[in-house]
Amino acid sequence: MSDRGVILSIGSFDGVHAGHQAILARARQLAQQTGLKVLAMTFDPHPAWTLRPGSEPPLLTGLAQKIERLRAAGADEVVVIEPTPAILGQTAWQFIESLAKQYPVAGIVEGEDFRFGKGRAGDMALLKQW
């Protein structure tokens, strides 16, 4: 990982579909302009396994295939987070602050409907404020 910082994108990324690819392409573009690396952060297993056992969605890709597709779509590095109750119970602000302590985040690229933190309370407006 770059000591100067990373362009981060967070998500379940199941299937690494066209929307995910567009987000990673934008992150790649920003990384090339700034000399930084793209870090894709994903979850395994899907957070629904912890939040709503028994109602988790069927997955399109396994973890190894997801990582391969994320790299092919532009990620220099992929970090896999285990969605524990402690992590999923963090407020949006706590979650983003914990990431900033662990990784040199220089920018974040997400889709407009991106939500994060307990109760999915975090959104793009909160990221811009941060």
Foldseek 3Di string as FASTA:
>chain_A
DDPQAAAEEEEQCFPVDPQVLVLLVVRQVVCVVVVHFYEYEHEPPDLCCAVPNPPDDDTPDDPVVSQVSSVVSGHPYYHYDYNDCVQQQFAPVVNVVVVVVVGVHPHYTDDQAQFGHHVSPDGPVVVVVD
